[in-house]
């Protein structure tokens, strides 16, 4: 049984790498359409939402609060 357990680990790591690549490619499709930064660092998938239009969002929220 020990031999089977030792052989499963590389297969699981390979599966994780393939699934991560598929997810990364899928998310990169939306990178051009919206302000999303997708990167792969140290075997971790990192998705960062970039708020380039933060000032207009703040002004809209402030005007909504003052309108109430």
C-alpha atoms as a PDB file:
ATOM      1  CA  UNK A   1       0.000   0.000   0.000  1.00  0.00           C
ATOM      2  CA  UNK A   2       2.874   2.412   0.643  1.00  0.00           C
ATOM      3  CA  UNK A   3       3.900   2.202  -2.993  1.00  0.00           C
ATOM      4  CA  UNK A   4       0.454   3.310  -4.193  1.00  0.00           C
ATOM      5  CA  UNK A   5       0.428   6.309  -1.841  1.00  0.00           C
ATOM      6  CA  UNK A   6       3.854   7.430  -3.066  1.00  0.00           C
ATOM      7  CA  UNK A   7       2.709   7.256  -6.677  1.00  0.00           C
ATOM      8  CA  UNK A   8      -0.468   9.258  -6.076  1.00  0.00           C
ATOM      9  CA  UNK A   9       1.279  12.451  -5.000  1.00  0.00           C
ATOM     10  CA  UNK A  10       2.966  13.298  -8.339  1.00  0.00           C
ATOM     11  CA  UNK A  11      -0.281  12.548 -10.151  1.00  0.00           C
ATOM     12  CA  UNK A  12      -2.228  14.896  -7.884  1.00  0.00           C
ATOM     13  CA  UNK A  13       0.370  17.636  -8.350  1.00  0.00           C
ATOM     14  CA  UNK A  14       0.223  17.183 -12.113  1.00  0.00           C
ATOM     15  CA  UNK A  15      -3.582  17.334 -11.996  1.00  0.00           C
ATOM     16  CA  UNK A  16      -3.431  20.520  -9.899  1.00  0.00           C
ATOM     17  CA  UNK A  17      -1.020  22.129 -12.393  1.00  0.00           C
ATOM     18  CA  UNK A  18      -3.281  21.274 -15.330  1.00  0.00           C
ATOM     19  CA  UNK A  19      -6.414  22.540 -13.584  1.00  0.00           C
ATOM     20  CA  UNK A  20      -4.611  25.732 -12.549  1.00  0.00           C
ATOM     21  CA  UNK A  21      -3.530  26.334 -16.141  1.00  0.00           C
ATOM     22  CA  UNK A  22      -7.089  25.819 -17.388  1.00  0.00           C
ATOM     23  CA  UNK A  23      -8.495  28.227 -14.793  1.00  0.00           C
ATOM     24  CA  UNK A  24      -5.758  30.771 -15.520  1.00  0.00           C
ATOM     25  CA  UNK A  25      -6.448  30.670 -19.257  1.00  0.00           C
ATOM     26  CA  UNK A  26     -10.177  31.029 -18.636  1.00  0.00           C
ATOM     27  CA  UNK A  27      -9.726  34.052 -16.382  1.00  0.00           C
ATOM     28  CA  UNK A  28      -7.257  35.657 -18.791  1.00  0.00           C
ATOM     29  CA  UNK A  29     -10.054  35.844 -21.378  1.00  0.00           C
ATOM     30  CA  UNK A  30     -11.798  38.425 -19.200  1.00  0.00           C
ATOM     31  CA  UNK A  31      -8.625  40.377 -18.444  1.00  0.00           C
ATOM     32  CA  UNK A  32      -8.921  42.368 -21.665  1.00  0.00           C
ATOM     33  CA  UNK A  33     -12.565  43.230 -21.009  1.00  0.00           C
ATOM     34  CA  UNK A  34     -12.379  44.328 -17.372  1.00  0.00           C
ATOM     35  CA  UNK A  35      -9.930  45.555 -14.776  1.00  0.00           C
ATOM     36  CA  UNK A  36      -8.794  42.149 -13.560  1.00  0.00           C
ATOM     37  CA  UNK A  37      -5.184  41.127 -13.060  1.00  0.00           C
ATOM     38  CA  UNK A  38      -4.678  37.367 -13.083  1.00  0.00           C
ATOM     39  CA  UNK A  39      -1.318  35.872 -12.204  1.00  0.00           C
ATOM     40  CA  UNK A  40       0.187  32.595 -11.115  1.00  0.00           C
ATOM     41  CA  UNK A  41       2.772  32.888  -8.330  1.00  0.00           C
ATOM     42  CA  UNK A  42       4.347  30.121  -6.261  1.00  0.00           C
ATOM     43  CA  UNK A  43       1.718  27.556  -7.336  1.00  0.00           C
ATOM     44  CA  UNK A  44      -1.097  29.895  -6.268  1.00  0.00           C
ATOM     45  CA  UNK A  45      -3.661  31.478  -8.539  1.00  0.00           C
ATOM     46  CA  UNK A  46      -3.955  35.173  -7.700  1.00  0.00           C
ATOM     47  CA  UNK A  47      -6.825  37.312  -8.964  1.00  0.00           C
ATOM     48  CA  UNK A  48      -6.629  41.037  -8.251  1.00  0.00           C
ATOM     49  CA  UNK A  49      -9.453  43.398  -9.157  1.00  0.00           C
ATOM     50  CA  UNK A  50      -7.963  46.714 -10.224  1.00  0.00           C
ATOM     51  CA  UNK A  51     -10.020  49.797  -9.498  1.00  0.00           C
ATOM     52  CA  UNK A  52      -8.742  52.340 -11.993  1.00  0.00           C
ATOM     53  CA  UNK A  53     -11.979  54.343 -11.820  1.00  0.00           C
ATOM     54  CA  UNK A  54     -12.042  54.602  -8.033  1.00  0.00           C
ATOM     55  CA  UNK A  55     -12.650  58.364  -7.955  1.00  0.00           C
ATOM     56  CA  UNK A  56     -15.889  58.264 -10.020  1.00  0.00           C
ATOM     57  CA  UNK A  57     -17.163  55.402  -7.843  1.00  0.00           C
ATOM     58  CA  UNK A  58     -16.524  57.442  -4.714  1.00  0.00           C
ATOM     59  CA  UNK A  59     -18.216  60.518  -6.155  1.00  0.00           C
ATOM     60  CA  UNK A  60     -21.273  58.486  -7.193  1.00  0.00           C
ATOM     61  CA  UNK A  61     -21.512  56.933  -3.739  1.00  0.00           C
ATOM     62  CA  UNK A  62     -21.137  60.316  -2.033  1.00  0.00           C
ATOM     63  CA  UNK A  63     -23.817  61.896  -4.214  1.00  0.00           C
ATOM     64  CA  UNK A  64     -26.147  58.967  -3.449  1.00  0.00           C
ATOM     65  CA  UNK A  65     -25.594  59.431   0.268  1.00  0.00           C
ATOM     66  CA  UNK A  66     -26.208  63.175   0.123  1.00  0.00           C
ATOM     67  CA  UNK A  67     -29.293  62.607  -2.021  1.00  0.00           C
ATOM     68  CA  UNK A  68     -30.776  60.388   0.700  1.00  0.00           C
END
